[in-house]
Amino acid sequence: MACRLPGGVTSPDELWDLLAEERTTVGPPPPERGGTSPPCPRTV
């Protein structure tokens, strides 16, 4: 099974560490996605 994981995580163990440490991986969308919608209020 393949997964695309956030925050540079490369293994299931690293994913559990990320969750246990309550780190955030939310960031702006990549510029190549374009779009003109306003930012999500939770990320501002």
PDB file of N, CA and C in Angstrom:
ATOM      1  N   MET A   1       0.841  -1.164   0.000  1.00  0.00           N
ATOM      2  CA  MET A   1       0.000   0.000   0.000  1.00  0.00           C
ATOM      3  C   MET A   1       0.893   1.235   0.000  1.00  0.00           C
ATOM      4  N   ALA A   2       0.526   2.215  -0.787  1.00  0.00           N
ATOM      5  CA  ALA A   2       1.282   3.464  -0.845  1.00  0.00           C
ATOM      6  C   ALA A   2       0.450   4.594  -0.259  1.00  0.00           C
ATOM      7  N   CYS A   3       1.112   5.484   0.443  1.00  0.00           N
ATOM      8  CA  CYS A   3       0.435   6.643   1.036  1.00  0.00           C
ATOM      9  C   CYS A   3       1.286   7.880   0.820  1.00  0.00           C
ATOM     10  N   ARG A   4       0.619   8.996   0.652  1.00  0.00           N
ATOM     11  CA  ARG A   4       1.303  10.279   0.612  1.00  0.00           C
ATOM     12  C   ARG A   4       1.086  10.915   1.977  1.00  0.00           C
ATOM     13  N   LEU A   5       2.149  11.045   2.744  1.00  0.00           N
ATOM     14  CA  LEU A   5       2.027  11.500   4.118  1.00  0.00           C
ATOM     15  C   LEU A   5       2.489  12.949   4.263  1.00  0.00           C
ATOM     16  N   PRO A   6       1.930  13.684   5.226  1.00  0.00           N
ATOM     17  CA  PRO A   6       2.252  15.100   5.402  1.00  0.00           C
ATOM     18  C   PRO A   6       3.558  15.325   6.153  1.00  0.00           C
ATOM     19  N   GLY A   7       4.065  16.522   6.055  1.00  0.00           N
ATOM     20  CA  GLY A   7       5.174  16.955   6.895  1.00  0.00           C
ATOM     21  C   GLY A   7       6.487  16.239   6.708  1.00  0.00           C
ATOM     22  N   GLY A   8       6.732  15.686   5.534  1.00  0.00           N
ATOM     23  CA  GLY A   8       7.983  14.990   5.293  1.00  0.00           C
ATOM     24  C   GLY A   8       8.045  13.614   5.931  1.00  0.00           C
ATOM     25  N   VAL A   9       6.916  13.103   6.405  1.00  0.00           N
ATOM     26  CA  VAL A   9       6.855  11.784   7.034  1.00  0.00           C
ATOM     27  C   VAL A   9       7.098  10.721   5.966  1.00  0.00           C
ATOM     28  N   THR A  10       7.942   9.739   6.296  1.00  0.00           N
ATOM     29  CA  THR A  10       8.282   8.701   5.320  1.00  0.00           C
ATOM     30  C   THR A  10       7.974   7.289   5.799  1.00  0.00           C
ATOM     31  N   SER A  11       7.419   7.164   7.014  1.00  0.00           N
ATOM     32  CA  SER A  11       7.116   5.821   7.522  1.00  0.00           C
ATOM     33  C   SER A  11       5.929   5.894   8.484  1.00  0.00           C
ATOM     34  N   PRO A  12       5.274   4.770   8.723  1.00  0.00           N
ATOM     35  CA  PRO A  12       4.184   4.762   9.701  1.00  0.00           C
ATOM     36  C   PRO A  12       4.643   5.193  11.096  1.00  0.00           C
ATOM     37  N   ASP A  13       5.846   4.798  11.505  1.00  0.00           N
ATOM     38  CA  ASP A  13       6.354   5.216  12.819  1.00  0.00           C
ATOM     39  C   ASP A  13       6.493   6.732  12.904  1.00  0.00           C
ATOM     40  N   GLU A  14       6.984   7.347  11.836  1.00  0.00           N
ATOM     41  CA  GLU A  14       7.117   8.807  11.821  1.00  0.00           C
ATOM     42  C   GLU A  14       5.747   9.480  11.854  1.00  0.00           C
ATOM     43  N   LEU A  15       4.750   8.860  11.229  1.00  0.00           N
ATOM     44  CA  LEU A  15       3.392   9.419  11.269  1.00  0.00           C
ATOM     45  C   LEU A  15       2.867   9.400  12.699  1.00  0.00           C
ATOM     46  N   TRP A  16       3.083   8.306  13.417  1.00  0.00           N
ATOM     47  CA  TRP A  16       2.632   8.242  14.810  1.00  0.00           C
ATOM     48  C   TRP A  16       3.361   9.285  15.654  1.00  0.00           C
ATOM     49  N   ASP A  17       4.657   9.494  15.397  1.00  0.00           N
ATOM     50  CA  ASP A  17       5.403  10.525  16.124  1.00  0.00           C
ATOM     51  C   ASP A  17       4.811  11.901  15.862  1.00  0.00           C
ATOM     52  N   LEU A  18       4.496  12.184  14.609  1.00  0.00           N
ATOM     53  CA  LEU A  18       3.908  13.475  14.249  1.00  0.00           C
ATOM     54  C   LEU A  18       2.603  13.686  14.999  1.00  0.00           C
ATOM     55  N   LEU A  19       1.767  12.655  15.048  1.00  0.00           N
ATOM     56  CA  LEU A  19       0.486  12.769  15.748  1.00  0.00           C
ATOM     57  C   LEU A  19       0.676  12.899  17.251  1.00  0.00           C
ATOM     58  N   ALA A  20       1.578  12.127  17.825  1.00  0.00           N
ATOM     59  CA  ALA A  20       1.809  12.166  19.267  1.00  0.00           C
ATOM     60  C   ALA A  20       2.354  13.525  19.703  1.00  0.00           C
ATOM     61  N   GLU A  21       3.180  14.136  18.859  1.00  0.00           N
ATOM     62  CA  GLU A  21       3.770  15.443  19.179  1.00  0.00           C
ATOM     63  C   GLU A  21       2.840  16.592  18.826  1.00  0.00           C
ATOM     64  N   GLU A  22       1.687  16.273  18.207  1.00  0.00           N
ATOM     65  CA  GLU A  22       0.681  17.269  17.812  1.00  0.00           C
ATOM     66  C   GLU A  22       1.275  18.369  16.933  1.00  0.00           C
ATOM     67  N   ARG A  23       2.202  17.961  16.053  1.00  0.00           N
ATOM     68  CA  ARG A  23       2.779  18.928  15.115  1.00  0.00           C
ATOM     69  C   ARG A  23       1.766  19.254  14.033  1.00  0.00           C
ATOM     70  N   THR A  24       1.867  20.443  13.489  1.00  0.00           N
ATOM     71  CA  THR A  24       0.982  20.832  12.401  1.00  0.00           C
ATOM     72  C   THR A  24       1.714  20.678  11.073  1.00  0.00           C
ATOM     73  N   THR A  25       0.982  20.300  10.065  1.00  0.00           N
ATOM     74  CA  THR A  25       1.562  20.172   8.734  1.00  0.00           C
ATOM     75  C   THR A  25       0.778  20.992   7.726  1.00  0.00           C
ATOM     76  N   VAL A  26      -0.082  21.880   8.217  1.00  0.00           N
ATOM     77  CA  VAL A  26      -0.903  22.702   7.333  1.00  0.00           C
ATOM     78  C   VAL A  26      -0.058  23.849   6.801  1.00  0.00           C
ATOM     79  N   GLY A  27      -0.118  24.048   5.511  1.00  0.00           N
ATOM     80  CA  GLY A  27       0.607  25.137   4.886  1.00  0.00           C
ATOM     81  C   GLY A  27      -0.157  25.627   3.675  1.00  0.00           C
ATOM     82  N   PRO A  28       0.364  26.614   3.009  1.00  0.00           N
ATOM     83  CA  PRO A  28      -0.312  27.137   1.826  1.00  0.00           C
ATOM     84  C   PRO A  28      -0.270  26.122   0.681  1.00  0.00           C
ATOM     85  N   PRO A  29      -1.229  26.209  -0.229  1.00  0.00           N
ATOM     86  CA  PRO A  29      -1.201  25.300  -1.376  1.00  0.00           C
ATOM     87  C   PRO A  29      -0.039  25.645  -2.301  1.00  0.00           C
ATOM     88  N   PRO A  30       0.452  24.672  -3.044  1.00  0.00           N
ATOM     89  CA  PRO A  30       1.526  24.940  -3.987  1.00  0.00           C
ATOM     90  C   PRO A  30       1.079  25.951  -5.046  1.00  0.00           C
ATOM     91  N   PRO A  31       1.977  26.828  -5.504  1.00  0.00           N
ATOM     92  CA  PRO A  31       1.593  27.863  -6.470  1.00  0.00           C
ATOM     93  C   PRO A  31       1.060  27.294  -7.779  1.00  0.00           C
ATOM     94  N   GLU A  32       1.484  26.088  -8.162  1.00  0.00           N
ATOM     95  CA  GLU A  32       1.027  25.523  -9.433  1.00  0.00           C
ATOM     96  C   GLU A  32      -0.450  25.118  -9.396  1.00  0.00           C
ATOM     97  N   ARG A  33      -1.062  25.100  -8.230  1.00  0.00           N
ATOM     98  CA  ARG A  33      -2.488  24.769  -8.151  1.00  0.00           C
ATOM     99  C   ARG A  33      -3.366  25.941  -8.542  1.00  0.00           C
ATOM    100  N   GLY A  34      -2.827  27.150  -8.458  1.00  0.00           N
ATOM    101  CA  GLY A  34      -3.586  28.322  -8.863  1.00  0.00           C
ATOM    102  C   GLY A  34      -4.809  28.522  -7.996  1.00  0.00           C
ATOM    103  N   GLY A  35      -5.841  29.093  -8.586  1.00  0.00           N
ATOM    104  CA  GLY A  35      -7.073  29.324  -7.841  1.00  0.00           C
ATOM    105  C   GLY A  35      -7.104  30.697  -7.224  1.00  0.00           C
ATOM    106  N   THR A  36      -8.284  31.179  -7.007  1.00  0.00           N
ATOM    107  CA  THR A  36      -8.435  32.516  -6.434  1.00  0.00           C
ATOM    108  C   THR A  36      -9.332  32.488  -5.206  1.00  0.00           C
ATOM    109  N   SER A  37      -9.609  31.319  -4.665  1.00  0.00           N
ATOM    110  CA  SER A  37     -10.477  31.248  -3.502  1.00  0.00           C
ATOM    111  C   SER A  37      -9.759  31.829  -2.277  1.00  0.00           C
ATOM    112  N   PRO A  38     -10.519  32.410  -1.353  1.00  0.00           N
ATOM    113  CA  PRO A  38      -9.899  32.997  -0.152  1.00  0.00           C
ATOM    114  C   PRO A  38      -9.319  31.902   0.728  1.00  0.00           C
ATOM    115  N   PRO A  39      -8.357  32.264   1.586  1.00  0.00           N
ATOM    116  CA  PRO A  39      -7.759  31.265   2.466  1.00  0.00           C
ATOM    117  C   PRO A  39      -8.768  30.749   3.478  1.00  0.00           C
ATOM    118  N   CYS A  40      -8.554  29.544   3.920  1.00  0.00           N
ATOM    119  CA  CYS A  40      -9.393  28.947   4.944  1.00  0.00           C
ATOM    120  C   CYS A  40      -9.201  29.729   6.247  1.00  0.00           C
ATOM    121  N   PRO A  41     -10.285  30.093   6.934  1.00  0.00           N
ATOM    122  CA  PRO A  41     -10.142  30.884   8.169  1.00  0.00           C
ATOM    123  C   PRO A  41      -9.308  30.180   9.236  1.00  0.00           C
ATOM    124  N   ARG A  42      -9.255  28.849   9.241  1.00  0.00           N
ATOM    125  CA  ARG A  42      -8.486  28.136  10.259  1.00  0.00           C
ATOM    126  C   ARG A  42      -6.995  28.279  10.053  1.00  0.00           C
ATOM    127  N   THR A  43      -6.534  28.667   8.844  1.00  0.00           N
ATOM    128  CA  THR A  43      -5.101  28.750   8.576  1.00  0.00           C
ATOM    129  C   THR A  43      -4.594  30.175   8.576  1.00  0.00           C
ATOM    130  N   VAL A  44      -5.453  31.129   8.797  1.00  0.00           N
ATOM    131  CA  VAL A  44      -5.056  32.544   8.770  1.00  0.00           C
ATOM    132  C   VAL A  44      -4.635  32.983  10.137  1.00  0.00           C
TER     133      VAL A  44
END
